[in-house]
Protein backbone atom coordinates (compact mmCIF):
# COMPACT_ATOMS: atom_id res chain seq x y z
CA UNK A 1 0.12 -0.16 -0.03
CA UNK A 2 2.83 2.32 0.91
CA UNK A 3 4.48 1.78 -2.23
CA UNK A 4 1.38 2.18 -4.29
CA UNK A 5 1.01 5.63 -2.74
CA UNK A 6 4.78 6.21 -3.22
CA UNK A 7 4.36 5.17 -7.03
CA UNK A 8 1.16 7.38 -7.29
CA UNK A 9 2.50 10.30 -5.66
CA UNK A 10 5.67 10.19 -8.04
CA UNK A 11 3.52 10.28 -11.09
CA UNK A 12 1.23 12.93 -10.27
CA UNK A 13 4.51 15.19 -9.19
CA UNK A 14 6.09 14.93 -12.55
CA UNK A 15 2.73 16.28 -13.91
CA UNK A 16 2.41 18.88 -11.71
CA UNK A 17 6.46 20.01 -12.06
CA UNK A 18 5.50 20.65 -15.77
CA UNK A 19 2.30 22.40 -14.59
CA UNK A 20 4.62 24.43 -11.94
CA UNK A 21 6.92 25.22 -14.74
CA UNK A 22 4.78 26.45 -17.16
CA UNK A 23 2.84 29.16 -13.74
CA UNK A 24 5.95 30.60 -12.82
CA UNK A 25 7.10 31.80 -16.29
CA UNK A 26 3.68 33.37 -16.33
CA UNK A 27 3.43 34.75 -13.00
CA UNK A 28 6.11 36.82 -11.05
CA UNK A 29 7.10 35.61 -7.65
CA UNK A 30 5.77 37.09 -4.34
CA UNK A 31 8.45 38.38 -3.38
CA UNK A 32 9.15 38.93 1.28
CA UNK A 33 11.89 41.53 1.25
CA UNK A 34 13.41 39.84 4.49
CA UNK A 35 14.01 36.56 2.53
CA UNK A 36 16.92 35.30 0.72
CA UNK A 37 15.79 31.86 0.99
CA UNK A 38 12.95 30.00 2.72
CA UNK A 39 14.03 28.18 6.33
CA UNK A 40 11.63 25.40 6.31
CA UNK A 41 11.39 23.22 9.24
CA UNK A 42 10.55 19.72 8.86
CA UNK A 43 10.00 16.56 10.87
CA UNK A 44 10.43 13.64 8.81
CA UNK A 45 10.57 10.67 10.75
CA UNK A 46 7.73 8.78 9.16
CA UNK A 47 5.26 11.28 9.93
CA UNK A 48 1.67 11.21 8.30
CA UNK A 49 3.46 14.32 5.98
CA UNK A 50 6.77 13.22 5.45
CA UNK A 51 9.18 10.39 5.58
CA UNK A 52 12.58 9.38 4.18
CA UNK A 53 12.30 7.75 0.44
CA UNK A 54 14.42 5.08 -0.89
CA UNK A 55 17.57 7.74 -1.48
CA UNK A 56 17.20 9.23 2.02
CA UNK A 57 16.00 12.50 0.96
CA UNK A 58 12.75 14.25 2.06
CA UNK A 59 9.81 12.20 0.64
CA UNK A 60 5.39 13.00 1.34
CA UNK A 61 3.41 16.13 0.90
CA UNK A 62 4.83 18.38 3.21
CA UNK A 63 8.16 19.11 1.22
CA UNK A 64 6.40 19.51 -1.85
CA UNK A 65 4.10 22.29 -0.09
CA UNK A 66 7.53 23.67 0.88
CA UNK A 67 8.77 23.61 -2.81
CA UNK A 68 5.78 25.13 -3.75
CA UNK A 69 5.75 27.62 -1.48
CA UNK A 70 9.50 28.40 -2.13
CA UNK A 71 8.82 28.39 -5.50
CA UNK A 72 5.72 30.93 -5.32
CA UNK A 73 8.32 33.59 -3.18
CA UNK A 74 11.01 32.83 -5.86
CA UNK A 75 13.67 32.10 -3.03
CA UNK A 76 15.74 28.54 -2.71
CA UNK A 77 13.96 26.06 0.03
CA UNK A 78 16.18 24.79 3.05
CA UNK A 79 14.61 22.23 4.89
CA UNK A 80 15.73 21.98 8.35
CA UNK A 81 15.44 18.96 10.54
CA UNK A 82 13.22 18.90 13.49
CA UNK A 83 11.13 17.10 15.73
CA UNK A 84 7.66 16.75 16.18
CA UNK A 85 8.34 17.08 20.50
CA UNK A 86 10.62 20.27 19.17
CA UNK A 87 9.59 21.94 16.27
CA UNK A 88 6.96 24.77 17.92
CA UNK A 89 10.27 25.41 20.55
CA UNK A 90 12.65 25.44 17.41
CA UNK A 91 10.19 27.54 15.17
CA UNK A 92 9.63 30.22 18.33
CA UNK A 93 13.43 30.24 18.70
CA UNK A 94 14.06 31.54 15.28
CA UNK A 95 15.67 28.15 13.69
CA UNK A 96 13.64 28.30 10.82
CA UNK A 97 11.17 30.53 8.99
CA UNK A 98 8.31 28.02 8.35
CA UNK A 99 7.54 25.06 10.22
CA UNK A 100 6.03 22.49 7.39
CA UNK A 101 4.52 19.91 9.39
CA UNK A 102 3.34 21.98 12.33
CA UNK A 103 1.21 19.87 15.68
CA UNK A 104 -2.22 19.75 14.35
CA UNK A 105 -4.54 22.38 14.79
CA UNK A 106 -5.43 22.57 18.35
CA UNK A 107 -6.37 25.22 20.48
CA UNK A 108 -3.48 25.34 22.48
CA UNK A 109 -0.37 24.88 20.24
CA UNK A 110 -2.54 28.00 18.52
CA UNK A 111 -1.53 30.39 21.37
CA UNK A 112 2.22 29.91 20.39
CA UNK A 113 2.53 30.03 16.76
CA UNK A 114 0.47 31.38 13.84
CA UNK A 115 -0.96 28.16 11.66
CA UNK A 116 -1.46 29.33 7.95
CA UNK A 117 -4.34 27.45 5.73
CA UNK A 118 -4.45 24.25 5.72
CA UNK A 119 -3.02 21.84 2.86
CA UNK A 120 -3.97 18.28 4.55
CA UNK A 121 -6.82 16.78 6.31
CA UNK A 122 -6.63 13.43 7.59
CA UNK A 123 -8.80 10.91 10.25
CA UNK A 124 -7.41 10.24 13.70
CA UNK A 125 -8.62 6.49 14.56
CA UNK A 126 -8.51 4.03 16.36
CA UNK A 127 -6.74 0.56 15.84
CA UNK A 128 -6.95 -2.51 17.55
CA UNK A 129 -7.13 -6.40 17.21
CA UNK A 130 -10.34 -7.56 15.32
CA UNK A 131 -11.65 -9.47 17.62
CA UNK A 132 -11.47 -6.85 20.58
CA UNK A 133 -15.13 -4.88 20.86
CA UNK A 134 -14.92 -1.54 20.84
CA UNK A 135 -17.96 0.25 19.67
CA UNK A 136 -17.39 3.49 21.33
CA UNK A 137 -15.12 5.69 22.98
CA UNK A 138 -16.40 4.61 26.43
CA UNK A 139 -14.88 1.35 25.54
CA UNK A 140 -11.13 2.75 26.35
CA UNK A 141 -11.82 3.17 30.15
CA UNK A 142 -9.29 1.44 32.00
CA UNK A 143 -7.72 0.16 28.73
CA UNK A 144 -3.73 0.66 27.76
CA UNK A 145 -3.80 3.02 24.74
CA UNK A 146 -0.72 3.65 22.06
CA UNK A 147 -0.28 6.74 20.59
CA UNK A 148 2.58 7.98 18.42
CA UNK A 149 4.42 10.60 20.58
CA UNK A 150 4.14 13.82 19.52
CA UNK A 151 1.57 14.32 16.87
CA UNK A 152 -1.78 11.90 17.42
CA UNK A 153 -0.71 13.05 21.46
CA UNK A 154 -1.33 16.42 21.46
CA UNK A 155 -4.94 15.97 19.88
CA UNK A 156 -5.54 13.92 23.03
CA UNK A 157 -7.23 15.64 25.37
CA UNK A 158 -9.79 17.32 23.22
CA UNK A 159 -10.98 13.99 21.55
CA UNK A 160 -10.81 11.28 23.87
CA UNK A 161 -11.17 11.06 28.03
CA UNK A 162 -6.99 10.89 28.15
CA UNK A 163 -7.67 10.76 32.31
CA UNK A 164 -9.88 7.68 31.97
CA UNK A 165 -6.86 5.49 30.12
CA UNK A 166 -3.27 4.12 30.30
CA UNK A 167 -1.77 6.19 27.87
CA UNK A 168 1.22 4.94 26.26
CA UNK A 169 3.36 7.16 24.03
CA UNK A 170 5.27 5.03 21.10
CA UNK A 171 7.72 6.45 18.85
CA UNK A 172 6.94 4.87 15.13
CA UNK A 173 4.48 2.68 13.30
CA UNK A 174 6.36 -0.44 13.96
CA UNK A 175 6.70 0.19 17.99
CA UNK A 176 2.83 0.87 17.71
CA UNK A 177 2.25 -2.47 15.86
CA UNK A 178 4.39 -4.58 17.82
CA UNK A 179 2.63 -3.16 21.45
CA UNK A 180 -0.74 -4.25 19.76
CA UNK A 181 0.23 -7.65 18.30
CA UNK A 182 2.38 -8.41 21.52
CA UNK A 183 -0.84 -7.09 23.89
CA UNK A 184 1.53 -4.34 25.47
CA UNK A 185 -1.71 -2.10 24.48
CA UNK A 186 -4.85 -3.04 23.72
CA UNK A 187 -5.77 -0.25 21.24
CA UNK A 188 -3.50 2.74 19.43
CA UNK A 189 -4.53 6.02 18.53
CA UNK A 190 -3.43 7.01 14.93
CA UNK A 191 -3.52 9.56 11.55
CA UNK A 192 -5.15 7.44 8.99
CA UNK A 193 -2.31 6.96 6.79
CA UNK A 194 -0.45 5.17 9.46
CA UNK A 195 -2.96 3.15 10.24
CA UNK A 196 -3.59 1.94 6.89
CA UNK A 197 0.10 1.11 6.95
CA UNK A 198 -0.38 -1.19 10.32
CA UNK A 199 -3.64 -2.72 8.96
CA UNK A 200 -2.24 -3.49 5.66
CA UNK A 201 0.82 -5.34 7.27
CA UNK A 202 -1.17 -6.71 9.94
CA UNK A 203 -4.69 -8.62 8.92
CA UNK A 204 -5.23 -9.31 12.62
CA UNK A 205 -5.49 -5.35 13.18
CA UNK A 206 -8.09 -2.93 12.30
CA UNK A 207 -9.68 0.73 12.22
CA UNK A 208 -12.42 0.79 14.83
CA UNK A 209 -13.06 4.22 15.51
CA UNK A 210 -12.81 7.27 13.68
CA UNK A 211 -12.37 10.37 16.21
CA UNK A 212 -12.49 13.07 13.49
CA UNK A 213 -10.53 15.29 11.11
CA UNK A 214 -6.70 16.06 11.80
CA UNK A 215 -6.05 19.34 9.70
CA UNK A 216 -2.34 19.95 9.17
CA UNK A 217 -0.88 23.27 8.19
CA UNK A 218 2.71 25.24 8.03
CA UNK A 219 3.00 27.85 10.80
CA UNK A 220 4.84 31.23 11.31
CA UNK A 221 6.55 32.50 14.43
CA UNK A 222 4.40 35.16 15.91
CA UNK A 223 4.59 38.35 14.24
CA UNK A 224 5.73 37.09 10.54
CA UNK A 225 2.92 38.06 9.15
CA UNK A 226 4.22 38.72 5.89
CA UNK A 227 4.81 35.87 5.33
CA UNK A 228 1.69 34.23 6.88
CA UNK A 229 -0.37 36.36 4.39
CA UNK A 230 2.35 34.99 1.22
CA UNK A 231 2.33 31.47 2.24
CA UNK A 232 -1.78 31.87 2.97
CA UNK A 233 -1.87 33.14 -0.79
CA UNK A 234 0.38 30.84 -2.43
CA UNK A 235 -1.68 28.35 -0.81
CA UNK A 236 -4.78 29.61 -2.03
CA UNK A 237 -3.37 30.05 -5.41
CA UNK A 238 -2.41 26.17 -5.29
CA UNK A 239 -6.33 25.27 -4.12
CA UNK A 240 -7.59 27.40 -7.27
CA UNK A 241 -5.91 25.53 -9.96
CA UNK A 242 -6.29 22.12 -8.07
CA UNK A 243 -2.49 21.82 -7.49
CA UNK A 244 -2.94 20.73 -3.79
CA UNK A 245 -5.81 18.27 -4.73
CA UNK A 246 -3.86 16.45 -6.94
CA UNK A 247 -1.38 16.19 -4.11
CA UNK A 248 -3.18 15.42 -1.53
CA UNK A 249 -4.86 12.74 -3.76
CA UNK A 250 -1.51 11.37 -4.88
CA UNK A 251 -0.33 10.87 -0.82
CA UNK A 252 -3.39 10.07 0.30
CA UNK A 253 -5.72 8.89 -1.88
CA UNK A 254 -8.73 11.09 -1.01
CA UNK A 255 -9.98 14.34 -1.79
CA UNK A 256 -8.77 17.52 0.04
CA UNK A 257 -11.95 18.77 2.13
CA UNK A 258 -12.98 22.13 1.84
CA UNK A 259 -10.59 23.94 4.59
CA UNK A 260 -11.67 25.39 7.69
CA UNK A 261 -11.30 29.07 8.85
CA UNK A 262 -8.71 29.46 10.88
């Protein structure tokens, strides 16, 4: 499944590259005078929006959105590695200008950074063994529930009764699947691409419940309003000309919904 998604993405990117080249020839870049290059923070350790490809280079939707924004600004893209745990702090400290895969939209993080418009929409879902009945969130009370440390974990307080569960943060897909298979955890809360990969690799597991939509967006520091307005303008253009929709379909095999106002 993951190989098929990456093949679809590669085909879509080839077509998009030609389209972007034509667009760049027709439209002048939108300049932000303070920027000579776009330093973009990115967590590429197998997240829902970024990963390392077969050449060990950044792959996924977030790097493509970074390239799209840099092209629209008329500057080079400089990807700066960060992590889910340190990304917001690194952005606020000035290690980069833009955090490409910021934590999912939440009230808590919105108090610390300026979210741009979303470029991806995924589901937050519950994965568990097929034989385990979990018909509602109430069934999670008292159970050990694994989450991917950092990302899904940010959203838990507003989605599930975390005070009534034993939450087990784990670093990656392999650890999550292992915890479910060896019964170290009875369920796992992950984004839909991670869930798809887990159940494809392990047929004894299945998606039990959807906990709602997770909106993913770039983010700027407080005060960087010129950059924020420009990023939003470029994302708007990419939605209007179909670029974001094609990328979303290629990477996630699902349409990009109408984004919320933020």
